[in-house]
Each structure stands twice: as structure tokens, then as C-alpha cells.
Amino acid sequence: MRGETPAAETDFKRELSAVIPHLRAFARGLCGRPDMADDLVQETMLKAWAARERFQPGTSMRAWTFVILRNAYLTEMRRNRFRGDYDETVAERLLTAPAGQEQPLHLADMHRALLQLPPERREALLLVGAGGFSYEEAAEICGCAVGTIKSRVGRARAALAAMLEEDAVPRRSSDDEIAHDAILDELESIAKHTD
């Protein structure tokens, strides 16, 4: 936006700020850790600001920044920065969990189930299912064919359904209420910014 008016730069700042909750939700879904998700969002914001002259006004700021965030995430994965942490509580619960459906499924459990999906399937499901992107938009963000996105989403949904049917969703014995409240707060924040 070099040589642009202060009004154009203000519009860019406003649009960029409006996508922060969406970026946070997408980043948390990708990497599963709030601290790393916040780092990804911060890096995305810095890169978007540095590349603001390449943003085409009138196009989707959300899609543009999701591409930046996705690329930053993939770079970090290649550096092996995002690794699953061993959670002793989850491990213990898996070993001692009763069979059947005696316990309800919490949002925190669903989040842990999402994290068990392969990254490309989780990403596709988050974009289409939670992010509200069309298959075409998700394909553009991921840099792949629309059919590939449809396949990834279908396989992700099937894998989640199988985990639920087999009661194979890892559960956490503590802090479920805190995790539940945090997810609801995040959804409420996103809803406020989309209205």
C-alpha cells in the first residue's frame, strides 16, 4: 500500500484487526496449543503488515491472512517446533477409561480428537467446518484442488465419527470445565466479530 492514502492504511489496519479472532481459532485448531497459536497469529500479523502493499483491496482479508498463517505453520512444522506434548493425565485416563458411553463427550475431548487427525485433514475440516470457507476458498488457501479438500474433509469427518463410535476420543480427567469455558469464550468472540 506504498503511496496509499492514510485512509487506505486505516482501512487495512481495521480489516486486519477484524480477522484476529478467526486467525486465533484457526491457529489453535492447527497446532493445539494456545501459546504456540498466539505466536503464529503474531507472526502472521507481522508478515501481513510487511506485505500490505500486495493485498488487493476488495478481496478477502480473512482468506489472505489464512494463507499467511498456514504457510507460517508449515514452516514451523518443518522446523519441528510443533510436536505433540505428552500429557500424563490423558495417558492415565486412556489406560483406565471405562468402556461404553458412561461419560459425556466434552468440547475439550472433541478438540483433542481433532488433534489426532493428520494435519492436512484437520486443516481442511477447520477451514470448511469451523471457518465457514467454501470448498473452493479452502482449496485456494491450501494450494490444492477442490476435490482434494472435499476428500480431506470427508475423511476427517469419517475419522471423527469412528473415534466417537469406538469411544476412542482421549478424555481428560481435569480442567474440562475450564477448557469448555475457554472454547465457548473463543466462539463468542468470533461471533461478535462476524456480526
N, C-alpha and C. Protein backbone atom coordinates (compact mmCIF):
# COMPACT_ATOMS: atom_id res chain seq x y z
N MET A 1 0.83 -1.18 0.00
CA MET A 1 0.00 0.00 0.00
C MET A 1 0.87 1.24 0.00
N ARG A 2 2.08 1.08 -0.49
CA ARG A 2 3.01 2.18 -0.58
C ARG A 2 2.40 3.29 -1.42
N GLY A 3 2.48 4.50 -0.94
CA GLY A 3 1.93 5.63 -1.67
C GLY A 3 0.42 5.76 -1.50
N GLU A 4 -0.18 4.89 -0.70
CA GLU A 4 -1.62 4.95 -0.48
C GLU A 4 -1.93 6.05 0.52
N THR A 5 -3.17 6.42 0.56
CA THR A 5 -3.61 7.46 1.47
C THR A 5 -3.67 6.92 2.89
N PRO A 6 -3.62 7.83 3.87
CA PRO A 6 -3.77 7.37 5.25
C PRO A 6 -5.10 6.65 5.47
N ALA A 7 -6.13 7.03 4.72
CA ALA A 7 -7.43 6.36 4.86
C ALA A 7 -7.33 4.90 4.42
N ALA A 8 -6.60 4.64 3.34
CA ALA A 8 -6.44 3.26 2.86
C ALA A 8 -5.67 2.43 3.89
N GLU A 9 -4.65 3.03 4.50
CA GLU A 9 -3.88 2.31 5.51
C GLU A 9 -4.74 2.05 6.74
N THR A 10 -5.60 3.00 7.10
CA THR A 10 -6.51 2.82 8.22
C THR A 10 -7.49 1.69 7.93
N ASP A 11 -8.00 1.63 6.70
CA ASP A 11 -8.90 0.54 6.31
C ASP A 11 -8.20 -0.81 6.42
N PHE A 12 -6.95 -0.86 5.98
CA PHE A 12 -6.18 -2.10 6.06
C PHE A 12 -6.02 -2.52 7.52
N LYS A 13 -5.66 -1.58 8.39
CA LYS A 13 -5.50 -1.89 9.82
C LYS A 13 -6.80 -2.43 10.40
N ARG A 14 -7.91 -1.78 10.04
CA ARG A 14 -9.21 -2.19 10.57
C ARG A 14 -9.56 -3.61 10.10
N GLU A 15 -9.36 -3.89 8.81
CA GLU A 15 -9.65 -5.23 8.29
C GLU A 15 -8.74 -6.28 8.91
N LEU A 16 -7.47 -5.93 9.05
CA LEU A 16 -6.51 -6.87 9.63
C LEU A 16 -6.87 -7.17 11.09
N SER A 17 -7.24 -6.16 11.83
CA SER A 17 -7.62 -6.35 13.23
C SER A 17 -8.87 -7.21 13.36
N ALA A 18 -9.79 -7.07 12.41
CA ALA A 18 -11.05 -7.82 12.47
C ALA A 18 -10.86 -9.32 12.29
N VAL A 19 -9.79 -9.74 11.65
CA VAL A 19 -9.59 -11.19 11.42
C VAL A 19 -8.81 -11.88 12.54
N ILE A 20 -8.34 -11.13 13.51
CA ILE A 20 -7.53 -11.73 14.58
C ILE A 20 -8.25 -12.90 15.27
N PRO A 21 -9.52 -12.76 15.67
CA PRO A 21 -10.17 -13.91 16.33
C PRO A 21 -10.25 -15.15 15.42
N HIS A 22 -10.47 -14.93 14.13
CA HIS A 22 -10.53 -16.05 13.19
C HIS A 22 -9.16 -16.71 13.05
N LEU A 23 -8.13 -15.89 13.01
CA LEU A 23 -6.76 -16.41 12.93
C LEU A 23 -6.42 -17.23 14.17
N ARG A 24 -6.81 -16.71 15.33
CA ARG A 24 -6.53 -17.43 16.58
C ARG A 24 -7.23 -18.78 16.61
N ALA A 25 -8.49 -18.80 16.19
CA ALA A 25 -9.23 -20.06 16.19
C ALA A 25 -8.60 -21.06 15.22
N PHE A 26 -8.22 -20.60 14.04
CA PHE A 26 -7.60 -21.47 13.04
C PHE A 26 -6.25 -21.97 13.54
N ALA A 27 -5.46 -21.08 14.11
CA ALA A 27 -4.13 -21.46 14.62
C ALA A 27 -4.24 -22.46 15.76
N ARG A 28 -5.19 -22.25 16.66
CA ARG A 28 -5.36 -23.18 17.79
C ARG A 28 -5.79 -24.55 17.28
N GLY A 29 -6.61 -24.54 16.25
CA GLY A 29 -7.03 -25.82 15.67
C GLY A 29 -5.88 -26.54 14.99
N LEU A 30 -5.00 -25.79 14.37
CA LEU A 30 -3.87 -26.41 13.66
C LEU A 30 -2.84 -26.98 14.62
N CYS A 31 -2.43 -26.19 15.61
CA CYS A 31 -1.31 -26.64 16.44
C CYS A 31 -1.73 -27.16 17.81
N GLY A 32 -2.93 -26.82 18.26
CA GLY A 32 -3.44 -27.39 19.51
C GLY A 32 -2.94 -26.77 20.79
N ARG A 33 -2.06 -25.80 20.69
CA ARG A 33 -1.53 -25.17 21.91
C ARG A 33 -1.76 -23.66 21.83
N PRO A 34 -2.46 -23.10 22.82
CA PRO A 34 -2.76 -21.67 22.79
C PRO A 34 -1.53 -20.78 22.69
N ASP A 35 -0.46 -21.13 23.40
CA ASP A 35 0.74 -20.29 23.36
C ASP A 35 1.36 -20.29 21.97
N MET A 36 1.45 -21.44 21.35
CA MET A 36 2.02 -21.51 20.00
C MET A 36 1.07 -20.88 18.98
N ALA A 37 -0.23 -21.03 19.22
CA ALA A 37 -1.20 -20.40 18.32
C ALA A 37 -1.05 -18.89 18.36
N ASP A 38 -0.87 -18.35 19.55
CA ASP A 38 -0.68 -16.90 19.67
C ASP A 38 0.59 -16.45 18.96
N ASP A 39 1.65 -17.25 19.07
CA ASP A 39 2.89 -16.93 18.35
C ASP A 39 2.66 -16.93 16.84
N LEU A 40 1.91 -17.91 16.36
CA LEU A 40 1.60 -17.99 14.93
C LEU A 40 0.80 -16.78 14.46
N VAL A 41 -0.18 -16.39 15.26
CA VAL A 41 -1.01 -15.23 14.90
C VAL A 41 -0.16 -13.97 14.88
N GLN A 42 0.70 -13.81 15.87
CA GLN A 42 1.57 -12.64 15.91
C GLN A 42 2.47 -12.61 14.68
N GLU A 43 3.05 -13.74 14.34
CA GLU A 43 3.91 -13.81 13.16
C GLU A 43 3.11 -13.50 11.89
N THR A 44 1.90 -14.00 11.83
CA THR A 44 1.03 -13.74 10.67
C THR A 44 0.71 -12.26 10.55
N MET A 45 0.41 -11.63 11.67
CA MET A 45 0.09 -10.19 11.65
C MET A 45 1.30 -9.38 11.17
N LEU A 46 2.48 -9.73 11.65
CA LEU A 46 3.69 -9.02 11.23
C LEU A 46 3.96 -9.21 9.74
N LYS A 47 3.80 -10.44 9.26
CA LYS A 47 4.02 -10.70 7.84
C LYS A 47 2.97 -10.01 6.98
N ALA A 48 1.74 -10.01 7.43
CA ALA A 48 0.68 -9.34 6.67
C ALA A 48 0.95 -7.84 6.60
N TRP A 49 1.37 -7.27 7.71
CA TRP A 49 1.66 -5.84 7.72
C TRP A 49 2.82 -5.52 6.78
N ALA A 50 3.85 -6.35 6.83
CA ALA A 50 5.01 -6.12 5.96
C ALA A 50 4.65 -6.28 4.48
N ALA A 51 3.65 -7.11 4.19
CA ALA A 51 3.26 -7.37 2.80
C ALA A 51 1.99 -6.63 2.40
N ARG A 52 1.61 -5.62 3.15
CA ARG A 52 0.33 -4.95 2.92
C ARG A 52 0.18 -4.36 1.52
N GLU A 53 1.30 -4.00 0.89
CA GLU A 53 1.19 -3.45 -0.47
C GLU A 53 0.77 -4.51 -1.48
N ARG A 54 0.90 -5.79 -1.11
CA ARG A 54 0.48 -6.87 -2.02
C ARG A 54 -0.98 -7.27 -1.83
N PHE A 55 -1.62 -6.78 -0.77
CA PHE A 55 -3.03 -7.09 -0.55
C PHE A 55 -3.87 -6.32 -1.55
N GLN A 56 -4.81 -7.01 -2.17
CA GLN A 56 -5.70 -6.39 -3.14
C GLN A 56 -6.97 -5.93 -2.43
N PRO A 57 -7.18 -4.62 -2.25
CA PRO A 57 -8.41 -4.15 -1.62
C PRO A 57 -9.63 -4.71 -2.34
N GLY A 58 -10.63 -5.07 -1.57
CA GLY A 58 -11.84 -5.65 -2.14
C GLY A 58 -11.84 -7.17 -2.14
N THR A 59 -10.68 -7.78 -1.86
CA THR A 59 -10.62 -9.24 -1.75
C THR A 59 -10.74 -9.62 -0.28
N SER A 60 -10.77 -10.89 0.00
CA SER A 60 -10.97 -11.37 1.36
C SER A 60 -9.69 -11.28 2.20
N MET A 61 -9.72 -10.39 3.18
CA MET A 61 -8.59 -10.27 4.12
C MET A 61 -8.44 -11.58 4.90
N ARG A 62 -9.56 -12.19 5.25
CA ARG A 62 -9.51 -13.42 6.03
C ARG A 62 -8.81 -14.53 5.24
N ALA A 63 -9.17 -14.72 3.99
CA ALA A 63 -8.53 -15.76 3.17
C ALA A 63 -7.05 -15.45 2.98
N TRP A 64 -6.71 -14.19 2.74
CA TRP A 64 -5.32 -13.79 2.51
C TRP A 64 -4.47 -14.08 3.75
N THR A 65 -4.99 -13.71 4.92
CA THR A 65 -4.22 -13.93 6.15
C THR A 65 -4.18 -15.41 6.54
N PHE A 66 -5.22 -16.18 6.20
CA PHE A 66 -5.19 -17.61 6.48
C PHE A 66 -4.08 -18.28 5.68
N VAL A 67 -3.85 -17.83 4.45
CA VAL A 67 -2.76 -18.38 3.65
C VAL A 67 -1.42 -18.08 4.33
N ILE A 68 -1.27 -16.85 4.81
CA ILE A 68 -0.03 -16.47 5.50
C ILE A 68 0.15 -17.32 6.76
N LEU A 69 -0.92 -17.48 7.54
CA LEU A 69 -0.84 -18.26 8.77
C LEU A 69 -0.51 -19.72 8.45
N ARG A 70 -1.17 -20.27 7.46
CA ARG A 70 -0.92 -21.66 7.07
C ARG A 70 0.54 -21.85 6.67
N ASN A 71 1.07 -20.93 5.89
CA ASN A 71 2.47 -21.04 5.47
C ASN A 71 3.41 -20.94 6.66
N ALA A 72 3.10 -20.05 7.61
CA ALA A 72 3.93 -19.93 8.81
C ALA A 72 3.86 -21.22 9.63
N TYR A 73 2.68 -21.79 9.73
CA TYR A 73 2.52 -23.05 10.46
C TYR A 73 3.34 -24.17 9.82
N LEU A 74 3.25 -24.28 8.50
CA LEU A 74 4.00 -25.32 7.80
C LEU A 74 5.51 -25.13 7.96
N THR A 75 5.95 -23.88 7.93
CA THR A 75 7.37 -23.60 8.15
C THR A 75 7.79 -24.06 9.54
N GLU A 76 6.97 -23.76 10.54
CA GLU A 76 7.28 -24.17 11.91
C GLU A 76 7.26 -25.69 12.06
N MET A 77 6.33 -26.34 11.38
CA MET A 77 6.30 -27.81 11.44
C MET A 77 7.57 -28.39 10.85
N ARG A 78 8.04 -27.79 9.75
CA ARG A 78 9.27 -28.29 9.14
C ARG A 78 10.45 -28.11 10.09
N ARG A 79 10.41 -27.08 10.88
CA ARG A 79 11.47 -26.86 11.87
C ARG A 79 11.28 -27.75 13.09
N ASN A 80 10.18 -28.51 13.08
CA ASN A 80 9.86 -29.44 14.16
C ASN A 80 9.56 -28.74 15.47
N ARG A 81 9.06 -27.52 15.37
CA ARG A 81 8.74 -26.78 16.58
C ARG A 81 7.43 -27.27 17.19
N PHE A 82 6.49 -27.67 16.35
CA PHE A 82 5.19 -28.11 16.86
C PHE A 82 5.18 -29.62 16.98
N ARG A 83 5.35 -30.10 18.20
CA ARG A 83 5.30 -31.52 18.47
C ARG A 83 4.26 -31.75 19.54
N GLY A 84 3.61 -32.90 19.48
CA GLY A 84 2.63 -33.22 20.50
C GLY A 84 3.31 -33.40 21.84
N ASP A 85 2.78 -32.79 22.85
CA ASP A 85 3.33 -32.94 24.19
C ASP A 85 2.70 -34.15 24.87
N TYR A 86 3.50 -34.83 25.65
CA TYR A 86 2.99 -35.94 26.43
C TYR A 86 2.18 -35.37 27.58
N ASP A 87 0.94 -35.79 27.67
CA ASP A 87 0.06 -35.33 28.73
C ASP A 87 -0.24 -36.53 29.63
N GLU A 88 0.34 -36.53 30.81
CA GLU A 88 0.22 -37.68 31.71
C GLU A 88 -1.23 -37.93 32.10
N THR A 89 -2.00 -36.88 32.28
CA THR A 89 -3.41 -37.05 32.66
C THR A 89 -4.17 -37.78 31.56
N VAL A 90 -3.95 -37.38 30.31
CA VAL A 90 -4.62 -38.04 29.19
C VAL A 90 -4.15 -39.48 29.08
N ALA A 91 -2.86 -39.72 29.21
CA ALA A 91 -2.34 -41.07 29.12
C ALA A 91 -2.95 -41.97 30.20
N GLU A 92 -3.02 -41.46 31.42
CA GLU A 92 -3.60 -42.23 32.51
C GLU A 92 -5.07 -42.51 32.26
N ARG A 93 -5.76 -41.52 31.76
CA ARG A 93 -7.19 -41.69 31.51
C ARG A 93 -7.43 -42.73 30.41
N LEU A 94 -6.59 -42.73 29.39
CA LEU A 94 -6.72 -43.73 28.32
C LEU A 94 -6.54 -45.14 28.87
N LEU A 95 -5.63 -45.29 29.82
CA LEU A 95 -5.35 -46.61 30.38
C LEU A 95 -6.43 -47.08 31.34
N THR A 96 -7.13 -46.14 31.97
CA THR A 96 -8.12 -46.51 32.98
C THR A 96 -9.54 -46.18 32.58
N ALA A 97 -9.77 -45.71 31.35
CA ALA A 97 -11.11 -45.30 30.92
C ALA A 97 -12.04 -46.50 30.85
N PRO A 98 -13.26 -46.35 31.39
CA PRO A 98 -14.22 -47.44 31.30
C PRO A 98 -14.76 -47.56 29.87
N ALA A 99 -15.18 -48.76 29.51
CA ALA A 99 -15.75 -48.96 28.18
C ALA A 99 -17.16 -48.39 28.14
N GLY A 100 -17.67 -48.23 26.94
CA GLY A 100 -19.04 -47.76 26.79
C GLY A 100 -19.14 -46.25 26.78
N GLN A 101 -20.38 -45.80 26.99
CA GLN A 101 -20.64 -44.37 26.89
C GLN A 101 -21.12 -43.81 28.22
N GLU A 102 -20.46 -44.19 29.30
CA GLU A 102 -20.88 -43.71 30.60
C GLU A 102 -20.61 -42.22 30.79
N GLN A 103 -19.60 -41.71 30.09
CA GLN A 103 -19.24 -40.31 30.29
C GLN A 103 -19.59 -39.49 29.06
N PRO A 104 -20.02 -38.25 29.26
CA PRO A 104 -20.35 -37.41 28.11
C PRO A 104 -19.08 -36.96 27.39
N LEU A 105 -19.25 -36.58 26.14
CA LEU A 105 -18.14 -36.04 25.35
C LEU A 105 -18.14 -34.53 25.54
N HIS A 106 -17.04 -33.98 25.95
CA HIS A 106 -16.92 -32.55 26.16
C HIS A 106 -16.24 -31.91 24.96
N LEU A 107 -16.40 -30.61 24.84
CA LEU A 107 -15.74 -29.90 23.74
C LEU A 107 -14.23 -30.07 23.81
N ALA A 108 -13.69 -30.11 25.01
CA ALA A 108 -12.25 -30.30 25.15
C ALA A 108 -11.84 -31.67 24.59
N ASP A 109 -12.71 -32.68 24.79
CA ASP A 109 -12.42 -34.00 24.23
C ASP A 109 -12.45 -33.95 22.71
N MET A 110 -13.43 -33.24 22.15
CA MET A 110 -13.52 -33.11 20.70
C MET A 110 -12.28 -32.41 20.15
N HIS A 111 -11.82 -31.41 20.88
CA HIS A 111 -10.61 -30.71 20.44
C HIS A 111 -9.43 -31.67 20.42
N ARG A 112 -9.31 -32.51 21.44
CA ARG A 112 -8.23 -33.49 21.45
C ARG A 112 -8.39 -34.50 20.31
N ALA A 113 -9.63 -34.85 19.99
CA ALA A 113 -9.87 -35.76 18.86
C ALA A 113 -9.43 -35.11 17.55
N LEU A 114 -9.74 -33.84 17.38
CA LEU A 114 -9.30 -33.13 16.18
C LEU A 114 -7.78 -33.16 16.05
N LEU A 115 -7.10 -33.04 17.16
CA LEU A 115 -5.64 -33.03 17.13
C LEU A 115 -5.05 -34.39 16.76
N GLN A 116 -5.86 -35.44 16.83
CA GLN A 116 -5.38 -36.77 16.42
C GLN A 116 -5.44 -36.96 14.91
N LEU A 117 -6.20 -36.10 14.22
CA LEU A 117 -6.29 -36.21 12.76
C LEU A 117 -4.98 -35.79 12.12
N PRO A 118 -4.68 -36.34 10.94
CA PRO A 118 -3.50 -35.85 10.21
C PRO A 118 -3.65 -34.35 9.95
N PRO A 119 -2.57 -33.60 10.00
CA PRO A 119 -2.65 -32.13 9.88
C PRO A 119 -3.42 -31.63 8.66
N GLU A 120 -3.24 -32.27 7.50
CA GLU A 120 -3.92 -31.77 6.31
C GLU A 120 -5.43 -32.00 6.38
N ARG A 121 -5.87 -33.06 7.03
CA ARG A 121 -7.31 -33.31 7.20
C ARG A 121 -7.89 -32.38 8.25
N ARG A 122 -7.16 -32.19 9.34
CA ARG A 122 -7.61 -31.27 10.39
C ARG A 122 -7.76 -29.87 9.82
N GLU A 123 -6.76 -29.44 9.05
CA GLU A 123 -6.78 -28.11 8.44
C GLU A 123 -8.00 -27.95 7.53
N ALA A 124 -8.26 -28.93 6.67
CA ALA A 124 -9.40 -28.85 5.75
C ALA A 124 -10.72 -28.79 6.52
N LEU A 125 -10.85 -29.62 7.55
CA LEU A 125 -12.08 -29.63 8.34
C LEU A 125 -12.27 -28.32 9.08
N LEU A 126 -11.20 -27.77 9.63
CA LEU A 126 -11.30 -26.48 10.32
C LEU A 126 -11.71 -25.37 9.37
N LEU A 127 -11.13 -25.35 8.18
CA LEU A 127 -11.45 -24.30 7.22
C LEU A 127 -12.90 -24.38 6.77
N VAL A 128 -13.35 -25.58 6.40
CA VAL A 128 -14.70 -25.74 5.86
C VAL A 128 -15.75 -25.84 6.97
N GLY A 129 -15.48 -26.68 7.97
CA GLY A 129 -16.46 -26.93 9.01
C GLY A 129 -16.58 -25.83 10.04
N ALA A 130 -15.47 -25.31 10.50
CA ALA A 130 -15.50 -24.29 11.55
C ALA A 130 -15.26 -22.89 11.00
N GLY A 131 -14.43 -22.78 9.97
CA GLY A 131 -14.10 -21.46 9.43
C GLY A 131 -15.13 -20.89 8.49
N GLY A 132 -16.03 -21.72 7.99
CA GLY A 132 -17.07 -21.24 7.11
C GLY A 132 -16.62 -20.96 5.68
N PHE A 133 -15.44 -21.43 5.33
CA PHE A 133 -14.96 -21.24 3.96
C PHE A 133 -15.63 -22.26 3.05
N SER A 134 -15.84 -21.88 1.80
CA SER A 134 -16.34 -22.84 0.81
C SER A 134 -15.20 -23.80 0.47
N TYR A 135 -15.54 -24.90 -0.19
CA TYR A 135 -14.50 -25.84 -0.60
C TYR A 135 -13.51 -25.14 -1.53
N GLU A 136 -14.02 -24.28 -2.39
CA GLU A 136 -13.15 -23.57 -3.34
C GLU A 136 -12.18 -22.65 -2.61
N GLU A 137 -12.71 -21.89 -1.62
CA GLU A 137 -11.84 -20.99 -0.85
C GLU A 137 -10.80 -21.78 -0.05
N ALA A 138 -11.24 -22.87 0.56
CA ALA A 138 -10.30 -23.70 1.33
C ALA A 138 -9.22 -24.27 0.43
N ALA A 139 -9.60 -24.68 -0.78
CA ALA A 139 -8.61 -25.21 -1.73
C ALA A 139 -7.60 -24.14 -2.11
N GLU A 140 -8.06 -22.92 -2.28
CA GLU A 140 -7.14 -21.82 -2.62
C GLU A 140 -6.18 -21.55 -1.47
N ILE A 141 -6.70 -21.55 -0.25
CA ILE A 141 -5.86 -21.31 0.93
C ILE A 141 -4.80 -22.41 1.06
N CYS A 142 -5.20 -23.65 0.83
CA CYS A 142 -4.28 -24.79 0.98
C CYS A 142 -3.42 -25.03 -0.25
N GLY A 143 -3.76 -24.37 -1.34
CA GLY A 143 -2.98 -24.55 -2.56
C GLY A 143 -3.14 -25.94 -3.16
N CYS A 144 -4.38 -26.45 -3.15
CA CYS A 144 -4.63 -27.78 -3.73
C CYS A 144 -5.96 -27.76 -4.48
N ALA A 145 -6.31 -28.87 -5.07
CA ALA A 145 -7.55 -28.98 -5.85
C ALA A 145 -8.77 -29.04 -4.93
N VAL A 146 -9.91 -28.61 -5.45
CA VAL A 146 -11.16 -28.64 -4.69
C VAL A 146 -11.49 -30.08 -4.29
N GLY A 147 -11.29 -31.02 -5.20
CA GLY A 147 -11.55 -32.42 -4.90
C GLY A 147 -10.71 -32.94 -3.75
N THR A 148 -9.49 -32.45 -3.65
CA THR A 148 -8.60 -32.84 -2.55
C THR A 148 -9.17 -32.36 -1.22
N ILE A 149 -9.66 -31.12 -1.20
CA ILE A 149 -10.26 -30.58 0.03
C ILE A 149 -11.49 -31.39 0.41
N LYS A 150 -12.35 -31.68 -0.57
CA LYS A 150 -13.56 -32.46 -0.29
C LYS A 150 -13.19 -33.83 0.28
N SER A 151 -12.18 -34.45 -0.28
CA SER A 151 -11.71 -35.75 0.19
C SER A 151 -11.18 -35.65 1.62
N ARG A 152 -10.37 -34.63 1.89
CA ARG A 152 -9.80 -34.46 3.23
C ARG A 152 -10.89 -34.22 4.26
N VAL A 153 -11.87 -33.38 3.92
CA VAL A 153 -12.97 -33.10 4.85
C VAL A 153 -13.77 -34.37 5.11
N GLY A 154 -14.09 -35.09 4.04
CA GLY A 154 -14.85 -36.33 4.19
C GLY A 154 -14.12 -37.35 5.05
N ARG A 155 -12.84 -37.49 4.82
CA ARG A 155 -12.06 -38.45 5.60
C ARG A 155 -11.91 -38.00 7.06
N ALA A 156 -11.78 -36.70 7.27
CA ALA A 156 -11.69 -36.19 8.64
C ALA A 156 -12.99 -36.44 9.39
N ARG A 157 -14.11 -36.17 8.74
CA ARG A 157 -15.41 -36.42 9.38
C ARG A 157 -15.59 -37.90 9.69
N ALA A 158 -15.21 -38.75 8.75
CA ALA A 158 -15.33 -40.20 8.96
C ALA A 158 -14.44 -40.65 10.12
N ALA A 159 -13.24 -40.11 10.21
CA ALA A 159 -12.33 -40.48 11.29
C ALA A 159 -12.88 -40.04 12.64
N LEU A 160 -13.45 -38.83 12.71
CA LEU A 160 -14.04 -38.36 13.96
C LEU A 160 -15.24 -39.22 14.34
N ALA A 161 -16.07 -39.55 13.36
CA ALA A 161 -17.23 -40.41 13.64
C ALA A 161 -16.78 -41.77 14.17
N ALA A 162 -15.73 -42.32 13.57
CA ALA A 162 -15.21 -43.62 14.03
C ALA A 162 -14.68 -43.51 15.46
N MET A 163 -13.98 -42.43 15.76
CA MET A 163 -13.46 -42.24 17.12
C MET A 163 -14.62 -42.18 18.11
N LEU A 164 -15.70 -41.49 17.75
CA LEU A 164 -16.85 -41.37 18.64
C LEU A 164 -17.54 -42.72 18.81
N GLU A 165 -17.73 -43.44 17.70
CA GLU A 165 -18.39 -44.75 17.77
C GLU A 165 -17.59 -45.74 18.61
N GLU A 166 -16.29 -45.70 18.48
CA GLU A 166 -15.42 -46.64 19.19
C GLU A 166 -15.03 -46.13 20.57
N ASP A 167 -15.55 -44.96 20.94
CA ASP A 167 -15.19 -44.31 22.20
C ASP A 167 -13.68 -44.19 22.33
N ALA A 168 -13.05 -43.81 21.22
CA ALA A 168 -11.59 -43.71 21.18
C ALA A 168 -11.11 -42.27 21.31
N VAL A 169 -12.00 -41.38 21.74
CA VAL A 169 -11.60 -39.99 21.93
C VAL A 169 -10.88 -39.87 23.26
N PRO A 170 -9.65 -39.38 23.26
CA PRO A 170 -8.94 -39.23 24.53
C PRO A 170 -9.65 -38.22 25.42
N ARG A 171 -9.84 -38.58 26.65
CA ARG A 171 -10.53 -37.69 27.58
C ARG A 171 -9.56 -37.21 28.63
N ARG A 172 -9.90 -36.10 29.19
CA ARG A 172 -9.04 -35.51 30.21
C ARG A 172 -9.83 -35.47 31.51
N SER A 173 -9.24 -35.90 32.57
CA SER A 173 -9.98 -36.02 33.82
C SER A 173 -10.10 -34.71 34.58
N SER A 174 -9.28 -33.73 34.25
CA SER A 174 -9.34 -32.47 34.99
C SER A 174 -9.38 -31.30 34.02
N ASP A 175 -9.82 -30.20 34.51
CA ASP A 175 -9.86 -28.94 33.78
C ASP A 175 -10.80 -28.95 32.58
N ASP A 176 -11.75 -29.90 32.49
CA ASP A 176 -12.69 -29.91 31.38
C ASP A 176 -13.57 -28.66 31.40
N GLU A 177 -14.00 -28.27 32.59
CA GLU A 177 -14.86 -27.09 32.68
C GLU A 177 -14.11 -25.84 32.23
N ILE A 178 -12.85 -25.73 32.60
CA ILE A 178 -12.04 -24.59 32.18
C ILE A 178 -11.86 -24.60 30.67
N ALA A 179 -11.56 -25.77 30.11
CA ALA A 179 -11.39 -25.87 28.66
C ALA A 179 -12.70 -25.55 27.95
N HIS A 180 -13.81 -26.04 28.48
CA HIS A 180 -15.12 -25.79 27.90
C HIS A 180 -15.42 -24.29 27.88
N ASP A 181 -15.20 -23.64 29.01
CA ASP A 181 -15.43 -22.20 29.09
C ASP A 181 -14.53 -21.43 28.13
N ALA A 182 -13.29 -21.85 28.00
CA ALA A 182 -12.35 -21.17 27.09
C ALA A 182 -12.81 -21.30 25.65
N ILE A 183 -13.29 -22.49 25.26
CA ILE A 183 -13.78 -22.69 23.89
C ILE A 183 -15.02 -21.84 23.65
N LEU A 184 -15.94 -21.81 24.61
CA LEU A 184 -17.14 -21.00 24.45
C LEU A 184 -16.81 -19.52 24.37
N ASP A 185 -15.86 -19.07 25.17
CA ASP A 185 -15.42 -17.67 25.09
C ASP A 185 -14.85 -17.35 23.72
N GLU A 186 -14.06 -18.27 23.18
CA GLU A 186 -13.46 -18.08 21.86
C GLU A 186 -14.55 -18.01 20.78
N LEU A 187 -15.55 -18.91 20.87
CA LEU A 187 -16.64 -18.90 19.90
C LEU A 187 -17.45 -17.62 20.00
N GLU A 188 -17.70 -17.16 21.23
CA GLU A 188 -18.44 -15.92 21.42
C GLU A 188 -17.68 -14.74 20.83
N SER A 189 -16.37 -14.72 21.04
CA SER A 189 -15.53 -13.65 20.49
C SER A 189 -15.59 -13.65 18.97
N ILE A 190 -15.53 -14.85 18.37
CA ILE A 190 -15.60 -14.95 16.91
C ILE A 190 -16.95 -14.48 16.42
N ALA A 191 -18.01 -14.88 17.12
CA ALA A 191 -19.36 -14.49 16.70
C ALA A 191 -19.54 -12.98 16.73
N LYS A 192 -18.98 -12.31 17.72
CA LYS A 192 -19.09 -10.86 17.81
C LYS A 192 -18.42 -10.18 16.62
N HIS A 193 -17.32 -10.74 16.14
CA HIS A 193 -16.58 -10.13 15.04
C HIS A 193 -17.17 -10.45 13.68
N THR A 194 -18.06 -11.46 13.61
CA THR A 194 -18.65 -11.79 12.32
C THR A 194 -19.99 -11.13 12.13
N ASP A 195 -20.55 -10.56 13.18
CA ASP A 195 -21.86 -9.88 13.06
C ASP A 195 -21.74 -8.56 12.35
